[in-house]
Amino acid sequence: MTITTIKNHADVGNLNLAEISPAQLPRSTYHAILQSAQNFGDATAIEYILDGDCISEAQIPFAKKLIHRILMTFKRQKLC
């Protein structure tokens, strides 16, 4: 197991941290995302929580869900 072959939480647990050199680590968050994009292609790179104070989707207030839906609709129209 190397740092470049990590694919899930179980892999992280199997990683021997003593074998990781600083040269293997990305220089920045940008480089970590770039490396992941190169390694995993079209897989989801980042998921976000609509509101940090919400634990589950059921707890998100209706107004925030509506705003999010409207923004996503406009985003889709721009991409087409």
C-alpha atoms as a PDB file:
ATOM      1  CA  MET A   1       0.000   0.000   0.000  1.00  0.00           C
ATOM      2  CA  THR A   2       1.361   3.408  -1.006  1.00  0.00           C
ATOM      3  CA  ILE A   3      -0.103   6.871  -0.674  1.00  0.00           C
ATOM      4  CA  THR A   4      -0.970   6.879  -4.387  1.00  0.00           C
ATOM      5  CA  THR A   5      -3.054   3.692  -4.161  1.00  0.00           C
ATOM      6  CA  ILE A   6      -5.437   4.834  -1.396  1.00  0.00           C
ATOM      7  CA  LYS A   7      -9.035   4.480  -2.599  1.00  0.00           C
ATOM      8  CA  ASN A   8     -11.111   4.348   0.614  1.00  0.00           C
ATOM      9  CA  HIS A   9     -11.052   4.616   4.418  1.00  0.00           C
ATOM     10  CA  ALA A  10      -9.915   1.022   4.841  1.00  0.00           C
ATOM     11  CA  ASP A  11      -6.837   1.715   2.710  1.00  0.00           C
ATOM     12  CA  VAL A  12      -5.918   4.640   4.959  1.00  0.00           C
ATOM     13  CA  GLY A  13      -5.989   2.297   7.945  1.00  0.00           C
ATOM     14  CA  ASN A  14      -3.643  -0.125   6.161  1.00  0.00           C
ATOM     15  CA  LEU A  15      -1.127   2.572   5.247  1.00  0.00           C
ATOM     16  CA  ASN A  16       2.202   2.490   7.096  1.00  0.00           C
ATOM     17  CA  LEU A  17       2.853   6.168   7.844  1.00  0.00           C
ATOM     18  CA  ALA A  18       6.524   5.467   8.606  1.00  0.00           C
ATOM     19  CA  GLU A  19       7.049   4.602   4.934  1.00  0.00           C
ATOM     20  CA  ILE A  20       5.735   7.932   3.592  1.00  0.00           C
ATOM     21  CA  SER A  21       8.357  10.492   2.636  1.00  0.00           C
ATOM     22  CA  PRO A  22       7.553  14.208   2.268  1.00  0.00           C
ATOM     23  CA  ALA A  23       8.366  13.906  -1.448  1.00  0.00           C
ATOM     24  CA  GLN A  24       5.336  11.617  -1.879  1.00  0.00           C
ATOM     25  CA  LEU A  25       2.912  14.176  -0.453  1.00  0.00           C
ATOM     26  CA  PRO A  26       1.251  16.855  -2.602  1.00  0.00           C
ATOM     27  CA  ARG A  27       2.624  20.398  -2.217  1.00  0.00           C
ATOM     28  CA  SER A  28      -0.819  21.905  -1.660  1.00  0.00           C
ATOM     29  CA  THR A  29      -4.535  21.152  -1.588  1.00  0.00           C
ATOM     30  CA  TYR A  30      -4.675  22.133  -5.257  1.00  0.00           C
ATOM     31  CA  HIS A  31      -2.000  19.583  -6.120  1.00  0.00           C
ATOM     32  CA  ALA A  32      -3.790  16.894  -4.087  1.00  0.00           C
ATOM     33  CA  ILE A  33      -6.993  17.501  -6.067  1.00  0.00           C
ATOM     34  CA  LEU A  34      -5.068  17.647  -9.358  1.00  0.00           C
ATOM     35  CA  GLN A  35      -3.334  14.337  -8.593  1.00  0.00           C
ATOM     36  CA  SER A  36      -6.662  12.751  -7.654  1.00  0.00           C
ATOM     37  CA  ALA A  37      -8.226  13.973 -10.892  1.00  0.00           C
ATOM     38  CA  GLN A  38      -5.381  12.406 -12.849  1.00  0.00           C
ATOM     39  CA  ASN A  39      -5.640   9.135 -10.904  1.00  0.00           C
ATOM     40  CA  PHE A  40      -9.425   8.781 -10.757  1.00  0.00           C
ATOM     41  CA  GLY A  41     -10.736  10.569 -13.858  1.00  0.00           C
ATOM     42  CA  ASP A  42     -14.439  11.349 -13.687  1.00  0.00           C
ATOM     43  CA  ALA A  43     -14.985  10.165 -10.095  1.00  0.00           C
ATOM     44  CA  THR A  44     -16.369  12.694  -7.620  1.00  0.00           C
ATOM     45  CA  ALA A  45     -13.477  14.750  -6.241  1.00  0.00           C
ATOM     46  CA  ILE A  46     -15.259  16.916  -3.695  1.00  0.00           C
ATOM     47  CA  GLU A  47     -18.598  16.669  -1.958  1.00  0.00           C
ATOM     48  CA  TYR A  48     -19.818  19.516   0.159  1.00  0.00           C
ATOM     49  CA  ILE A  49     -22.328  20.016   2.913  1.00  0.00           C
ATOM     50  CA  LEU A  50     -24.953  22.583   1.988  1.00  0.00           C
ATOM     51  CA  ASP A  51     -24.826  24.045   5.489  1.00  0.00           C
ATOM     52  CA  GLY A  52     -22.212  23.212   8.104  1.00  0.00           C
ATOM     53  CA  ASP A  53     -24.716  23.239  10.958  1.00  0.00           C
ATOM     54  CA  CYS A  54     -26.841  20.524   9.333  1.00  0.00           C
ATOM     55  CA  ILE A  55     -26.107  16.893  10.103  1.00  0.00           C
ATOM     56  CA  SER A  56     -28.489  15.325   7.597  1.00  0.00           C
ATOM     57  CA  GLU A  57     -30.498  16.421   4.583  1.00  0.00           C
ATOM     58  CA  ALA A  58     -33.669  16.299   6.674  1.00  0.00           C
ATOM     59  CA  GLN A  59     -32.281  19.079   8.878  1.00  0.00           C
ATOM     60  CA  ILE A  60     -31.643  21.525   6.037  1.00  0.00           C
ATOM     61  CA  PRO A  61     -34.251  24.301   6.143  1.00  0.00           C
ATOM     62  CA  PHE A  62     -36.597  24.489   3.158  1.00  0.00           C
ATOM     63  CA  ALA A  63     -35.371  27.973   2.164  1.00  0.00           C
ATOM     64  CA  LYS A  64     -31.783  26.748   1.865  1.00  0.00           C
ATOM     65  CA  LYS A  65     -32.859  23.731  -0.183  1.00  0.00           C
ATOM     66  CA  LEU A  66     -34.821  26.022  -2.499  1.00  0.00           C
ATOM     67  CA  ILE A  67     -31.900  28.409  -3.002  1.00  0.00           C
ATOM     68  CA  HIS A  68     -29.599  25.482  -3.688  1.00  0.00           C
ATOM     69  CA  ARG A  69     -32.048  24.033  -6.244  1.00  0.00           C
ATOM     70  CA  ILE A  70     -32.359  27.402  -8.021  1.00  0.00           C
ATOM     71  CA  LEU A  71     -28.571  27.826  -8.184  1.00  0.00           C
ATOM     72  CA  MET A  72     -28.110  24.317  -9.535  1.00  0.00           C
ATOM     73  CA  THR A  73     -30.780  24.937 -12.192  1.00  0.00           C
ATOM     74  CA  PHE A  74     -28.972  28.069 -13.403  1.00  0.00           C
ATOM     75  CA  LYS A  75     -25.641  26.263 -13.345  1.00  0.00           C
ATOM     76  CA  ARG A  76     -27.010  23.450 -15.529  1.00  0.00           C
ATOM     77  CA  GLN A  77     -28.449  25.952 -18.021  1.00  0.00           C
ATOM     78  CA  LYS A  78     -25.065  27.676 -18.359  1.00  0.00           C
ATOM     79  CA  LEU A  79     -23.310  24.367 -19.023  1.00  0.00           C
ATOM     80  CA  CYS A  80     -25.631  23.380 -21.872  1.00  0.00           C
END
